[in-house]
């Protein structure tokens, strides 16, 4: 029987939420930037990487480890 690691699931979920908030924050301030396209490209890359890491953490947390 495998035991789920709920701490890893919680941290992954928080990471996903923080990445979405980060993206939405920069979406709101992009008009003040000198180069909004480059800003959103960078922010999108970082947010996508954080969401990918969060999804991987949630998946591995739900799989768990052998007892």
C-alpha atoms as a PDB file:
ATOM      1  CA  UNK A   1       0.000   0.000   0.000  1.00  0.00           C
ATOM      2  CA  UNK A   2       1.312   3.432  -0.901  1.00  0.00           C
ATOM      3  CA  UNK A   3       1.153   6.374   1.487  1.00  0.00           C
ATOM      4  CA  UNK A   4       0.290   9.746  -0.018  1.00  0.00           C
ATOM      5  CA  UNK A   5       2.589  12.610   0.885  1.00  0.00           C
ATOM      6  CA  UNK A   6       0.086  15.391   1.517  1.00  0.00           C
ATOM      7  CA  UNK A   7       2.782  17.955   2.333  1.00  0.00           C
ATOM      8  CA  UNK A   8       4.173  17.674  -1.178  1.00  0.00           C
ATOM      9  CA  UNK A   9       0.655  17.958  -2.606  1.00  0.00           C
ATOM     10  CA  UNK A  10      -0.007  21.088  -0.513  1.00  0.00           C
ATOM     11  CA  UNK A  11       3.256  22.757  -1.537  1.00  0.00           C
ATOM     12  CA  UNK A  12       2.601  21.943  -5.196  1.00  0.00           C
ATOM     13  CA  UNK A  13      -0.894  23.411  -4.970  1.00  0.00           C
ATOM     14  CA  UNK A  14       0.397  26.584  -3.319  1.00  0.00           C
ATOM     15  CA  UNK A  15       3.063  26.878  -6.009  1.00  0.00           C
ATOM     16  CA  UNK A  16       0.413  26.681  -8.735  1.00  0.00           C
ATOM     17  CA  UNK A  17      -1.703  29.360  -7.051  1.00  0.00           C
ATOM     18  CA  UNK A  18       1.309  31.646  -6.565  1.00  0.00           C
ATOM     19  CA  UNK A  19       2.290  31.267 -10.233  1.00  0.00           C
ATOM     20  CA  UNK A  20      -1.213  32.281 -11.326  1.00  0.00           C
ATOM     21  CA  UNK A  21      -1.202  35.282  -8.976  1.00  0.00           C
ATOM     22  CA  UNK A  22       2.275  36.253 -10.252  1.00  0.00           C
ATOM     23  CA  UNK A  23       1.052  36.134 -13.863  1.00  0.00           C
ATOM     24  CA  UNK A  24      -2.109  38.130 -13.128  1.00  0.00           C
ATOM     25  CA  UNK A  25      -0.129  40.755 -11.186  1.00  0.00           C
ATOM     26  CA  UNK A  26       2.216  41.351 -14.107  1.00  0.00           C
ATOM     27  CA  UNK A  27      -0.709  41.298 -16.526  1.00  0.00           C
ATOM     28  CA  UNK A  28      -2.123  44.267 -14.629  1.00  0.00           C
ATOM     29  CA  UNK A  29       1.120  46.302 -14.707  1.00  0.00           C
ATOM     30  CA  UNK A  30       2.299  45.485 -18.239  1.00  0.00           C
ATOM     31  CA  UNK A  31       0.991  48.813 -19.587  1.00  0.00           C
ATOM     32  CA  UNK A  32       3.611  50.712 -17.577  1.00  0.00           C
ATOM     33  CA  UNK A  33       6.479  48.702 -19.055  1.00  0.00           C
ATOM     34  CA  UNK A  34       8.778  49.975 -21.804  1.00  0.00           C
ATOM     35  CA  UNK A  35       8.501  46.631 -23.612  1.00  0.00           C
ATOM     36  CA  UNK A  36       5.276  44.854 -22.616  1.00  0.00           C
ATOM     37  CA  UNK A  37       5.754  41.975 -25.067  1.00  0.00           C
ATOM     38  CA  UNK A  38       9.163  41.037 -23.673  1.00  0.00           C
ATOM     39  CA  UNK A  39       7.895  41.418 -20.109  1.00  0.00           C
ATOM     40  CA  UNK A  40       4.945  39.098 -20.676  1.00  0.00           C
ATOM     41  CA  UNK A  41       7.142  36.614 -22.514  1.00  0.00           C
ATOM     42  CA  UNK A  42       9.446  36.371 -19.518  1.00  0.00           C
ATOM     43  CA  UNK A  43       6.593  36.294 -17.015  1.00  0.00           C
ATOM     44  CA  UNK A  44       4.812  33.603 -19.028  1.00  0.00           C
ATOM     45  CA  UNK A  45       7.930  31.455 -19.140  1.00  0.00           C
ATOM     46  CA  UNK A  46       8.474  31.737 -15.395  1.00  0.00           C
ATOM     47  CA  UNK A  47       4.806  31.114 -14.599  1.00  0.00           C
ATOM     48  CA  UNK A  48       4.694  28.106 -16.893  1.00  0.00           C
ATOM     49  CA  UNK A  49       7.772  26.613 -15.279  1.00  0.00           C
ATOM     50  CA  UNK A  50       6.328  27.112 -11.792  1.00  0.00           C
ATOM     51  CA  UNK A  51       2.998  25.568 -12.789  1.00  0.00           C
ATOM     52  CA  UNK A  52       4.805  22.616 -14.348  1.00  0.00           C
ATOM     53  CA  UNK A  53       6.823  22.103 -11.181  1.00  0.00           C
ATOM     54  CA  UNK A  54       3.667  22.381  -9.083  1.00  0.00           C
ATOM     55  CA  UNK A  55       1.824  19.807 -11.202  1.00  0.00           C
ATOM     56  CA  UNK A  56       4.771  17.414 -10.932  1.00  0.00           C
ATOM     57  CA  UNK A  57       4.858  17.851  -7.151  1.00  0.00           C
ATOM     58  CA  UNK A  58       1.120  17.190  -6.876  1.00  0.00           C
ATOM     59  CA  UNK A  59       1.411  14.092  -9.055  1.00  0.00           C
ATOM     60  CA  UNK A  60       4.335  12.646  -7.102  1.00  0.00           C
ATOM     61  CA  UNK A  61       2.638  13.508  -3.825  1.00  0.00           C
ATOM     62  CA  UNK A  62      -0.525  11.653  -4.828  1.00  0.00           C
ATOM     63  CA  UNK A  63       1.477   8.645  -6.012  1.00  0.00           C
ATOM     64  CA  UNK A  64       3.250   8.564  -2.673  1.00  0.00           C
ATOM     65  CA  UNK A  65       5.818   6.099  -1.466  1.00  0.00           C
ATOM     66  CA  UNK A  66       5.657   2.531  -0.336  1.00  0.00           C
ATOM     67  CA  UNK A  67       4.924   2.039   3.338  1.00  0.00           C
END
